[in-house]
Amino acid sequence: MNNRIKEFRAKYNLTQEDLAKKVNVRRETIVFLEKNRYNPSLKLAYDLAQLFSVPIEELFIFDDDRTRNNPYLTKK
């Protein structure tokens, strides 16, 4: 799953440490998220989206073969 965390963090002029404190995680978690090495819990994804005032699907891009081939998960 890709994300736009780094882009939004820059837009809000936040360091990784600042963002980590705001969502109550370690800075390393933000580093791993930005490098797409970690998929967040639903709670963390929600907290990040709320912080940046965007829907979760604008912050996280879930692109997977299973979603492309699933009629319930593809946009029409």
PDB file of N, CA and C in Angstrom:
ATOM      1  N   MET A   1       0.851  -1.167   0.000  1.00  0.00           N
ATOM      2  CA  MET A   1       0.000   0.000   0.000  1.00  0.00           C
ATOM      3  C   MET A   1       0.903   1.237   0.000  1.00  0.00           C
ATOM      4  N   ASN A   2       0.684   2.100  -0.934  1.00  0.00           N
ATOM      5  CA  ASN A   2       1.433   3.355  -1.004  1.00  0.00           C
ATOM      6  C   ASN A   2       0.696   4.427  -0.210  1.00  0.00           C
ATOM      7  N   ASN A   3       1.398   5.498   0.086  1.00  0.00           N
ATOM      8  CA  ASN A   3       0.754   6.572   0.831  1.00  0.00           C
ATOM      9  C   ASN A   3       1.351   7.920   0.448  1.00  0.00           C
ATOM     10  N   ARG A   4       0.684   8.964   0.897  1.00  0.00           N
ATOM     11  CA  ARG A   4       1.105  10.338   0.621  1.00  0.00           C
ATOM     12  C   ARG A   4       1.463  11.065   1.918  1.00  0.00           C
ATOM     13  N   ILE A   5       1.888  10.309   2.921  1.00  0.00           N
ATOM     14  CA  ILE A   5       2.182  10.904   4.228  1.00  0.00           C
ATOM     15  C   ILE A   5       3.273  11.955   4.138  1.00  0.00           C
ATOM     16  N   LYS A   6       4.359  11.646   3.453  1.00  0.00           N
ATOM     17  CA  LYS A   6       5.460  12.603   3.351  1.00  0.00           C
ATOM     18  C   LYS A   6       4.996  13.901   2.693  1.00  0.00           C
ATOM     19  N   GLU A   7       4.182  13.775   1.661  1.00  0.00           N
ATOM     20  CA  GLU A   7       3.647  14.943   0.954  1.00  0.00           C
ATOM     21  C   GLU A   7       2.802  15.814   1.890  1.00  0.00           C
ATOM     22  N   PHE A   8       1.898  15.179   2.634  1.00  0.00           N
ATOM     23  CA  PHE A   8       1.049  15.941   3.553  1.00  0.00           C
ATOM     24  C   PHE A   8       1.842  16.478   4.734  1.00  0.00           C
ATOM     25  N   ARG A   9       2.806  15.718   5.201  1.00  0.00           N
ATOM     26  CA  ARG A   9       3.652  16.180   6.305  1.00  0.00           C
ATOM     27  C   ARG A   9       4.392  17.457   5.897  1.00  0.00           C
ATOM     28  N   ALA A  10       4.910  17.466   4.666  1.00  0.00           N
ATOM     29  CA  ALA A  10       5.615  18.654   4.162  1.00  0.00           C
ATOM     30  C   ALA A  10       4.651  19.836   4.013  1.00  0.00           C
ATOM     31  N   LYS A  11       3.466  19.551   3.527  1.00  0.00           N
ATOM     32  CA  LYS A  11       2.460  20.600   3.340  1.00  0.00           C
ATOM     33  C   LYS A  11       2.130  21.287   4.668  1.00  0.00           C
ATOM     34  N   TYR A  12       2.098  20.504   5.741  1.00  0.00           N
ATOM     35  CA  TYR A  12       1.792  21.031   7.067  1.00  0.00           C
ATOM     36  C   TYR A  12       3.038  21.436   7.837  1.00  0.00           C
ATOM     37  N   ASN A  13       4.196  21.375   7.159  1.00  0.00           N
ATOM     38  CA  ASN A  13       5.470  21.783   7.749  1.00  0.00           C
ATOM     39  C   ASN A  13       5.768  21.048   9.059  1.00  0.00           C
ATOM     40  N   LEU A  14       5.580  19.732   9.031  1.00  0.00           N
ATOM     41  CA  LEU A  14       5.836  18.900  10.205  1.00  0.00           C
ATOM     42  C   LEU A  14       7.074  18.043   9.979  1.00  0.00           C
ATOM     43  N   THR A  15       7.849  17.870  11.008  1.00  0.00           N
ATOM     44  CA  THR A  15       8.949  16.907  10.941  1.00  0.00           C
ATOM     45  C   THR A  15       8.356  15.526  11.208  1.00  0.00           C
ATOM     46  N   GLN A  16       9.156  14.501  10.957  1.00  0.00           N
ATOM     47  CA  GLN A  16       8.694  13.152  11.276  1.00  0.00           C
ATOM     48  C   GLN A  16       8.415  13.034  12.772  1.00  0.00           C
ATOM     49  N   GLU A  17       9.262  13.646  13.568  1.00  0.00           N
ATOM     50  CA  GLU A  17       9.085  13.626  15.023  1.00  0.00           C
ATOM     51  C   GLU A  17       7.793  14.332  15.425  1.00  0.00           C
ATOM     52  N   ASP A  18       7.527  15.505  14.843  1.00  0.00           N
ATOM     53  CA  ASP A  18       6.287  16.241  15.131  1.00  0.00           C
ATOM     54  C   ASP A  18       5.065  15.379  14.835  1.00  0.00           C
ATOM     55  N   LEU A  19       5.067  14.770  13.654  1.00  0.00           N
ATOM     56  CA  LEU A  19       3.934  13.953  13.240  1.00  0.00           C
ATOM     57  C   LEU A  19       3.766  12.754  14.167  1.00  0.00           C
ATOM     58  N   ALA A  20       4.867  12.118  14.498  1.00  0.00           N
ATOM     59  CA  ALA A  20       4.821  10.959  15.394  1.00  0.00           C
ATOM     60  C   ALA A  20       4.177  11.334  16.734  1.00  0.00           C
ATOM     61  N   LYS A  21       4.562  12.465  17.275  1.00  0.00           N
ATOM     62  CA  LYS A  21       4.003  12.902  18.558  1.00  0.00           C
ATOM     63  C   LYS A  21       2.507  13.167  18.444  1.00  0.00           C
ATOM     64  N   LYS A  22       2.087  13.764  17.331  1.00  0.00           N
ATOM     65  CA  LYS A  22       0.675  14.100  17.146  1.00  0.00           C
ATOM     66  C   LYS A  22      -0.219  12.870  17.050  1.00  0.00           C
ATOM     67  N   VAL A  23       0.314  11.767  16.531  1.00  0.00           N
ATOM     68  CA  VAL A  23      -0.500  10.549  16.400  1.00  0.00           C
ATOM     69  C   VAL A  23      -0.062   9.463  17.380  1.00  0.00           C
ATOM     70  N   ASN A  24       0.804   9.839  18.316  1.00  0.00           N
ATOM     71  CA  ASN A  24       1.212   8.962  19.416  1.00  0.00           C
ATOM     72  C   ASN A  24       1.892   7.665  18.956  1.00  0.00           C
ATOM     73  N   VAL A  25       2.871   7.813  18.059  1.00  0.00           N
ATOM     74  CA  VAL A  25       3.705   6.687  17.639  1.00  0.00           C
ATOM     75  C   VAL A  25       5.159   7.128  17.678  1.00  0.00           C
ATOM     76  N   ARG A  26       6.061   6.190  17.481  1.00  0.00           N
ATOM     77  CA  ARG A  26       7.485   6.532  17.432  1.00  0.00           C
ATOM     78  C   ARG A  26       7.835   7.105  16.067  1.00  0.00           C
ATOM     79  N   ARG A  27       8.874   7.925  16.027  1.00  0.00           N
ATOM     80  CA  ARG A  27       9.332   8.513  14.765  1.00  0.00           C
ATOM     81  C   ARG A  27       9.653   7.428  13.741  1.00  0.00           C
ATOM     82  N   GLU A  28      10.198   6.325  14.204  1.00  0.00           N
ATOM     83  CA  GLU A  28      10.547   5.217  13.303  1.00  0.00           C
ATOM     84  C   GLU A  28       9.324   4.682  12.572  1.00  0.00           C
ATOM     85  N   THR A  29       8.177   4.715  13.215  1.00  0.00           N
ATOM     86  CA  THR A  29       6.940   4.278  12.566  1.00  0.00           C
ATOM     87  C   THR A  29       6.634   5.164  11.371  1.00  0.00           C
ATOM     88  N   ILE A  30       6.810   6.463  11.536  1.00  0.00           N
ATOM     89  CA  ILE A  30       6.578   7.404  10.435  1.00  0.00           C
ATOM     90  C   ILE A  30       7.589   7.153   9.320  1.00  0.00           C
ATOM     91  N   VAL A  31       8.841   6.915   9.674  1.00  0.00           N
ATOM     92  CA  VAL A  31       9.875   6.612   8.683  1.00  0.00           C
ATOM     93  C   VAL A  31       9.466   5.389   7.864  1.00  0.00           C
ATOM     94  N   PHE A  32       9.073   4.315   8.541  1.00  0.00           N
ATOM     95  CA  PHE A  32       8.685   3.088   7.841  1.00  0.00           C
ATOM     96  C   PHE A  32       7.430   3.293   7.002  1.00  0.00           C
ATOM     97  N   LEU A  33       6.484   4.062   7.493  1.00  0.00           N
ATOM     98  CA  LEU A  33       5.285   4.359   6.707  1.00  0.00           C
ATOM     99  C   LEU A  33       5.650   5.095   5.420  1.00  0.00           C
ATOM    100  N   GLU A  34       6.478   6.132   5.550  1.00  0.00           N
ATOM    101  CA  GLU A  34       6.845   6.928   4.383  1.00  0.00           C
ATOM    102  C   GLU A  34       7.625   6.125   3.349  1.00  0.00           C
ATOM    103  N   LYS A  35       8.345   5.114   3.800  1.00  0.00           N
ATOM    104  CA  LYS A  35       9.111   4.257   2.878  1.00  0.00           C
ATOM    105  C   LYS A  35       8.303   3.054   2.407  1.00  0.00           C
ATOM    106  N   ASN A  36       7.015   3.035   2.743  1.00  0.00           N
ATOM    107  CA  ASN A  36       6.114   1.934   2.381  1.00  0.00           C
ATOM    108  C   ASN A  36       6.616   0.586   2.880  1.00  0.00           C
ATOM    109  N   ARG A  37       7.241   0.589   4.042  1.00  0.00           N
ATOM    110  CA  ARG A  37       7.730  -0.646   4.658  1.00  0.00           C
ATOM    111  C   ARG A  37       6.806  -1.132   5.761  1.00  0.00           C
ATOM    112  N   TYR A  38       5.746  -0.387   6.020  1.00  0.00           N
ATOM    113  CA  TYR A  38       4.839  -0.710   7.114  1.00  0.00           C
ATOM    114  C   TYR A  38       3.445  -0.254   6.727  1.00  0.00           C
ATOM    115  N   ASN A  39       2.475  -1.127   6.918  1.00  0.00           N
ATOM    116  CA  ASN A  39       1.080  -0.759   6.722  1.00  0.00           C
ATOM    117  C   ASN A  39       0.482  -0.431   8.078  1.00  0.00           C
ATOM    118  N   PRO A  40      -0.139   0.727   8.185  1.00  0.00           N
ATOM    119  CA  PRO A  40      -0.642   1.148   9.488  1.00  0.00           C
ATOM    120  C   PRO A  40      -1.875   0.369   9.915  1.00  0.00           C
ATOM    121  N   SER A  41      -2.128   0.384  11.202  1.00  0.00           N
ATOM    122  CA  SER A  41      -3.399  -0.139  11.706  1.00  0.00           C
ATOM    123  C   SER A  41      -4.499   0.789  11.203  1.00  0.00           C
ATOM    124  N   LEU A  42      -5.717   0.307  11.252  1.00  0.00           N
ATOM    125  CA  LEU A  42      -6.838   1.147  10.838  1.00  0.00           C
ATOM    126  C   LEU A  42      -6.920   2.390  11.712  1.00  0.00           C
ATOM    127  N   LYS A  43      -6.650   2.228  12.999  1.00  0.00           N
ATOM    128  CA  LYS A  43      -6.678   3.371  13.938  1.00  0.00           C
ATOM    129  C   LYS A  43      -5.630   4.417  13.559  1.00  0.00           C
ATOM    130  N   LEU A  44      -4.419   3.982  13.246  1.00  0.00           N
ATOM    131  CA  LEU A  44      -3.371   4.929  12.869  1.00  0.00           C
ATOM    132  C   LEU A  44      -3.703   5.597  11.537  1.00  0.00           C
ATOM    133  N   ALA A  45      -4.196   4.835  10.585  1.00  0.00           N
ATOM    134  CA  ALA A  45      -4.584   5.416   9.292  1.00  0.00           C
ATOM    135  C   ALA A  45      -5.669   6.472   9.498  1.00  0.00           C
ATOM    136  N   TYR A  46      -6.638   6.164  10.341  1.00  0.00           N
ATOM    137  CA  TYR A  46      -7.714   7.107  10.649  1.00  0.00           C
ATOM    138  C   TYR A  46      -7.161   8.360  11.321  1.00  0.00           C
ATOM    139  N   ASP A  47      -6.291   8.183  12.303  1.00  0.00           N
ATOM    140  CA  ASP A  47      -5.711   9.329  13.022  1.00  0.00           C
ATOM    141  C   ASP A  47      -4.923  10.235  12.076  1.00  0.00           C
ATOM    142  N   LEU A  48      -4.148   9.638  11.183  1.00  0.00           N
ATOM    143  CA  LEU A  48      -3.378  10.433  10.217  1.00  0.00           C
ATOM    144  C   LEU A  48      -4.305  11.188   9.275  1.00  0.00           C
ATOM    145  N   ALA A  49      -5.318  10.512   8.776  1.00  0.00           N
ATOM    146  CA  ALA A  49      -6.263  11.164   7.865  1.00  0.00           C
ATOM    147  C   ALA A  49      -6.988  12.312   8.566  1.00  0.00           C
ATOM    148  N   GLN A  50      -7.396  12.090   9.807  1.00  0.00           N
ATOM    149  CA  GLN A  50      -8.061  13.149  10.578  1.00  0.00           C
ATOM    150  C   GLN A  50      -7.132  14.339  10.787  1.00  0.00           C
ATOM    151  N   LEU A  51      -5.888  14.060  11.110  1.00  0.00           N
ATOM    152  CA  LEU A  51      -4.916  15.124  11.347  1.00  0.00           C
ATOM    153  C   LEU A  51      -4.753  15.999  10.101  1.00  0.00           C
ATOM    154  N   PHE A  52      -4.714  15.357   8.936  1.00  0.00           N
ATOM    155  CA  PHE A  52      -4.524  16.095   7.685  1.00  0.00           C
ATOM    156  C   PHE A  52      -5.848  16.522   7.044  1.00  0.00           C
ATOM    157  N   SER A  53      -6.947  16.211   7.692  1.00  0.00           N
ATOM    158  CA  SER A  53      -8.294  16.588   7.216  1.00  0.00           C
ATOM    159  C   SER A  53      -8.589  16.073   5.809  1.00  0.00           C
ATOM    160  N   VAL A  54      -8.244  14.819   5.568  1.00  0.00           N
ATOM    161  CA  VAL A  54      -8.519  14.189   4.280  1.00  0.00           C
ATOM    162  C   VAL A  54      -9.115  12.802   4.527  1.00  0.00           C
ATOM    163  N   PRO A  55      -9.846  12.270   3.550  1.00  0.00           N
ATOM    164  CA  PRO A  55     -10.323  10.893   3.684  1.00  0.00           C
ATOM    165  C   PRO A  55      -9.134   9.924   3.663  1.00  0.00           C
ATOM    166  N   ILE A  56      -9.284   8.801   4.329  1.00  0.00           N
ATOM    167  CA  ILE A  56      -8.207   7.803   4.376  1.00  0.00           C
ATOM    168  C   ILE A  56      -7.747   7.438   2.977  1.00  0.00           C
ATOM    169  N   GLU A  57      -8.691   7.269   2.045  1.00  0.00           N
ATOM    170  CA  GLU A  57      -8.319   6.844   0.694  1.00  0.00           C
ATOM    171  C   GLU A  57      -7.553   7.917  -0.086  1.00  0.00           C
ATOM    172  N   GLU A  58      -7.555   9.152   0.389  1.00  0.00           N
ATOM    173  CA  GLU A  58      -6.726  10.186  -0.238  1.00  0.00           C
ATOM    174  C   GLU A  58      -5.290  10.120   0.287  1.00  0.00           C
ATOM    175  N   LEU A  59      -5.132   9.649   1.489  1.00  0.00           N
ATOM    176  CA  LEU A  59      -3.817   9.551   2.115  1.00  0.00           C
ATOM    177  C   LEU A  59      -3.127   8.218   1.791  1.00  0.00           C
ATOM    178  N   PHE A  60      -3.928   7.163   1.700  1.00  0.00           N
ATOM    179  CA  PHE A  60      -3.392   5.829   1.422  1.00  0.00           C
ATOM    180  C   PHE A  60      -3.925   5.316   0.095  1.00  0.00           C
ATOM    181  N   ILE A  61      -3.020   4.806  -0.727  1.00  0.00           N
ATOM    182  CA  ILE A  61      -3.374   4.295  -2.045  1.00  0.00           C
ATOM    183  C   ILE A  61      -3.208   2.786  -2.019  1.00  0.00           C
ATOM    184  N   PHE A  62      -4.334   2.097  -1.981  1.00  0.00           N
ATOM    185  CA  PHE A  62      -4.303   0.641  -1.936  1.00  0.00           C
ATOM    186  C   PHE A  62      -4.433   0.131  -3.358  1.00  0.00           C
ATOM    187  N   ASP A  63      -3.341  -0.324  -3.920  1.00  0.00           N
ATOM    188  CA  ASP A  63      -3.327  -0.834  -5.286  1.00  0.00           C
ATOM    189  C   ASP A  63      -2.786  -2.251  -5.248  1.00  0.00           C
ATOM    190  N   ASP A  64      -3.662  -3.175  -5.551  1.00  0.00           N
ATOM    191  CA  ASP A  64      -3.324  -4.576  -5.390  1.00  0.00           C
ATOM    192  C   ASP A  64      -4.092  -5.377  -6.439  1.00  0.00           C
ATOM    193  N   ASP A  65      -3.533  -6.451  -6.916  1.00  0.00           N
ATOM    194  CA  ASP A  65      -4.223  -7.287  -7.907  1.00  0.00           C
ATOM    195  C   ASP A  65      -5.593  -7.726  -7.409  1.00  0.00           C
ATOM    196  N   ARG A  66      -5.686  -8.000  -6.116  1.00  0.00           N
ATOM    197  CA  ARG A  66      -6.971  -8.456  -5.579  1.00  0.00           C
ATOM    198  C   ARG A  66      -8.034  -7.381  -5.693  1.00  0.00           C
ATOM    199  N   THR A  67      -7.667  -6.102  -5.538  1.00  0.00           N
ATOM    200  CA  THR A  67      -8.673  -5.048  -5.636  1.00  0.00           C
ATOM    201  C   THR A  67      -9.052  -4.800  -7.085  1.00  0.00           C
ATOM    202  N   ARG A  68      -8.102  -4.925  -7.985  1.00  0.00           N
ATOM    203  CA  ARG A  68      -8.411  -4.709  -9.403  1.00  0.00           C
ATOM    204  C   ARG A  68      -9.355  -5.770  -9.947  1.00  0.00           C
ATOM    205  N   ASN A  69      -9.295  -6.953  -9.396  1.00  0.00           N
ATOM    206  CA  ASN A  69     -10.113  -8.055  -9.903  1.00  0.00           C
ATOM    207  C   ASN A  69     -11.357  -8.319  -9.058  1.00  0.00           C
ATOM    208  N   ASN A  70     -11.585  -7.531  -8.046  1.00  0.00           N
ATOM    209  CA  ASN A  70     -12.741  -7.720  -7.179  1.00  0.00           C
ATOM    210  C   ASN A  70     -13.799  -6.672  -7.518  1.00  0.00           C
ATOM    211  N   PRO A  71     -14.946  -7.084  -8.042  1.00  0.00           N
ATOM    212  CA  PRO A  71     -15.963  -6.108  -8.448  1.00  0.00           C
ATOM    213  C   PRO A  71     -16.509  -5.276  -7.296  1.00  0.00           C
ATOM    214  N   TYR A  72     -16.385  -5.759  -6.050  1.00  0.00           N
ATOM    215  CA  TYR A  72     -16.873  -5.001  -4.902  1.00  0.00           C
ATOM    216  C   TYR A  72     -15.901  -3.909  -4.483  1.00  0.00           C
ATOM    217  N   LEU A  73     -14.633  -4.016  -4.915  1.00  0.00           N
ATOM    218  CA  LEU A  73     -13.619  -3.065  -4.486  1.00  0.00           C
ATOM    219  C   LEU A  73     -13.149  -2.137  -5.598  1.00  0.00           C
ATOM    220  N   THR A  74     -13.602  -2.330  -6.798  1.00  0.00           N
ATOM    221  CA  THR A  74     -13.174  -1.471  -7.903  1.00  0.00           C
ATOM    222  C   THR A  74     -14.186  -0.372  -8.122  1.00  0.00           C
ATOM    223  N   LYS A  75     -13.693   0.775  -8.532  1.00  0.00           N
ATOM    224  CA  LYS A  75     -14.584   1.911  -8.807  1.00  0.00           C
ATOM    225  C   LYS A  75     -15.235   1.712 -10.165  1.00  0.00           C
ATOM    226  N   LYS A  76     -16.459   2.157 -10.268  1.00  0.00           N
ATOM    227  CA  LYS A  76     -17.189   2.016 -11.541  1.00  0.00           C
ATOM    228  C   LYS A  76     -17.373   3.357 -12.187  1.00  0.00           C
TER     229      LYS A  76
END
